[in-house]
Amino acid sequence: MNTFELAFDALMCHDTLDKIKLVNQLHTLKEQLALNYQSEYLISPVKNPGRPV
């Protein structure tokens, strides 16, 4: 599931416990995507040669 699907499902969900679970999944997915981005573009100067070391 992507972030947009999770966010939409959380908005449309009427059950509080299910909404909390969906929001937690959304936060986990967003954190994982942020870590993947950081490891690919911000940490490795080899993949991003324009970044000062």
N, C-alpha and C. Protein backbone atom coordinates (compact mmCIF):
# COMPACT_ATOMS: atom_id res chain seq x y z
N MET A 1 0.85 -1.18 0.00
CA MET A 1 0.00 0.00 0.00
C MET A 1 0.89 1.24 0.00
N ASN A 2 0.47 2.27 -0.70
CA ASN A 2 1.27 3.49 -0.70
C ASN A 2 0.69 4.51 0.30
N THR A 3 1.38 5.61 0.45
CA THR A 3 0.98 6.59 1.47
C THR A 3 -0.38 7.20 1.17
N PHE A 4 -0.69 7.41 -0.12
CA PHE A 4 -1.97 8.02 -0.46
C PHE A 4 -3.13 7.08 -0.14
N GLU A 5 -2.97 5.79 -0.43
CA GLU A 5 -4.02 4.82 -0.10
C GLU A 5 -4.24 4.74 1.40
N LEU A 6 -3.15 4.70 2.16
CA LEU A 6 -3.27 4.63 3.61
C LEU A 6 -3.93 5.88 4.18
N ALA A 7 -3.54 7.04 3.68
CA ALA A 7 -4.12 8.30 4.16
C ALA A 7 -5.61 8.35 3.83
N PHE A 8 -5.98 7.94 2.62
CA PHE A 8 -7.39 7.95 2.23
C PHE A 8 -8.19 6.98 3.09
N ASP A 9 -7.66 5.78 3.28
CA ASP A 9 -8.36 4.79 4.11
C ASP A 9 -8.54 5.30 5.53
N ALA A 10 -7.52 5.97 6.07
CA ALA A 10 -7.61 6.51 7.43
C ALA A 10 -8.67 7.62 7.50
N LEU A 11 -8.74 8.44 6.47
CA LEU A 11 -9.75 9.50 6.46
C LEU A 11 -11.17 8.94 6.37
N MET A 12 -11.34 7.90 5.58
CA MET A 12 -12.67 7.36 5.34
C MET A 12 -13.12 6.36 6.40
N CYS A 13 -12.21 5.91 7.24
CA CYS A 13 -12.52 4.89 8.24
C CYS A 13 -13.33 5.51 9.38
N HIS A 14 -14.38 4.81 9.80
CA HIS A 14 -15.23 5.32 10.87
C HIS A 14 -14.92 4.67 12.22
N ASP A 15 -14.24 3.56 12.21
CA ASP A 15 -13.89 2.87 13.45
C ASP A 15 -12.59 3.45 14.00
N THR A 16 -12.63 3.91 15.23
CA THR A 16 -11.49 4.59 15.82
C THR A 16 -10.25 3.71 15.90
N LEU A 17 -10.42 2.46 16.32
CA LEU A 17 -9.26 1.58 16.44
C LEU A 17 -8.63 1.29 15.08
N ASP A 18 -9.47 1.07 14.07
CA ASP A 18 -8.94 0.84 12.73
C ASP A 18 -8.24 2.09 12.20
N LYS A 19 -8.80 3.27 12.52
CA LYS A 19 -8.18 4.52 12.09
C LYS A 19 -6.79 4.68 12.72
N ILE A 20 -6.68 4.35 14.01
CA ILE A 20 -5.38 4.44 14.69
C ILE A 20 -4.38 3.48 14.06
N LYS A 21 -4.82 2.27 13.76
CA LYS A 21 -3.93 1.30 13.11
C LYS A 21 -3.46 1.79 11.75
N LEU A 22 -4.38 2.36 10.97
CA LEU A 22 -4.01 2.87 9.65
C LEU A 22 -3.04 4.04 9.75
N VAL A 23 -3.27 4.93 10.71
CA VAL A 23 -2.37 6.08 10.89
C VAL A 23 -0.99 5.60 11.34
N ASN A 24 -0.94 4.61 12.21
CA ASN A 24 0.36 4.05 12.63
C ASN A 24 1.08 3.42 11.45
N GLN A 25 0.35 2.70 10.59
CA GLN A 25 0.96 2.12 9.39
C GLN A 25 1.48 3.22 8.48
N LEU A 26 0.72 4.30 8.36
CA LEU A 26 1.13 5.42 7.52
C LEU A 26 2.42 6.05 8.04
N HIS A 27 2.50 6.28 9.34
CA HIS A 27 3.72 6.86 9.92
C HIS A 27 4.91 5.93 9.73
N THR A 28 4.71 4.64 9.91
CA THR A 28 5.79 3.67 9.72
C THR A 28 6.27 3.68 8.28
N LEU A 29 5.34 3.70 7.34
CA LEU A 29 5.71 3.72 5.92
C LEU A 29 6.45 5.01 5.57
N LYS A 30 5.97 6.14 6.07
CA LYS A 30 6.63 7.41 5.78
C LYS A 30 8.05 7.46 6.37
N GLU A 31 8.22 6.91 7.57
CA GLU A 31 9.56 6.86 8.17
C GLU A 31 10.49 5.98 7.33
N GLN A 32 9.97 4.84 6.86
CA GLN A 32 10.79 3.94 6.05
C GLN A 32 11.17 4.60 4.73
N LEU A 33 10.22 5.30 4.11
CA LEU A 33 10.52 6.00 2.86
C LEU A 33 11.56 7.09 3.08
N ALA A 34 11.46 7.80 4.21
CA ALA A 34 12.44 8.84 4.52
C ALA A 34 13.82 8.24 4.73
N LEU A 35 13.90 7.12 5.44
CA LEU A 35 15.19 6.47 5.66
C LEU A 35 15.78 5.96 4.35
N ASN A 36 14.93 5.40 3.49
CA ASN A 36 15.41 4.94 2.19
C ASN A 36 15.96 6.10 1.38
N TYR A 37 15.26 7.24 1.40
CA TYR A 37 15.72 8.41 0.67
C TYR A 37 17.05 8.91 1.22
N GLN A 38 17.15 8.99 2.55
CA GLN A 38 18.38 9.47 3.16
C GLN A 38 19.55 8.56 2.82
N SER A 39 19.34 7.26 2.90
CA SER A 39 20.44 6.35 2.64
C SER A 39 20.86 6.38 1.18
N GLU A 40 19.91 6.66 0.29
CA GLU A 40 20.24 6.65 -1.13
C GLU A 40 20.84 7.97 -1.61
N TYR A 41 20.33 9.10 -1.13
CA TYR A 41 20.73 10.38 -1.70
C TYR A 41 21.56 11.27 -0.77
N LEU A 42 21.36 11.16 0.53
CA LEU A 42 22.01 12.12 1.42
C LEU A 42 23.27 11.59 2.07
N ILE A 43 23.35 10.30 2.31
CA ILE A 43 24.47 9.76 3.06
C ILE A 43 25.63 9.37 2.15
N SER A 44 25.34 8.83 0.98
CA SER A 44 26.38 8.31 0.11
C SER A 44 26.89 9.38 -0.85
N PRO A 45 28.12 9.89 -0.65
CA PRO A 45 28.66 10.88 -1.59
C PRO A 45 28.97 10.27 -2.96
N VAL A 46 29.10 8.94 -3.04
CA VAL A 46 29.38 8.30 -4.32
C VAL A 46 28.16 8.41 -5.23
N LYS A 47 26.96 8.21 -4.68
CA LYS A 47 25.75 8.31 -5.48
C LYS A 47 25.35 9.76 -5.72
N ASN A 48 25.85 10.66 -4.89
CA ASN A 48 25.51 12.07 -5.01
C ASN A 48 26.81 12.86 -5.03
N PRO A 49 27.52 12.85 -6.16
CA PRO A 49 28.85 13.47 -6.19
C PRO A 49 28.86 14.98 -5.98
N GLY A 50 27.73 15.65 -6.17
CA GLY A 50 27.69 17.09 -5.97
C GLY A 50 27.62 17.49 -4.51
N ARG A 51 27.40 16.54 -3.64
CA ARG A 51 27.28 16.83 -2.20
C ARG A 51 28.67 16.94 -1.59
N PRO A 52 28.94 18.03 -0.88
CA PRO A 52 30.25 18.15 -0.23
C PRO A 52 30.40 17.12 0.88
N VAL A 53 31.61 16.62 1.03
CA VAL A 53 31.87 15.58 2.04
C VAL A 53 32.23 16.20 3.35
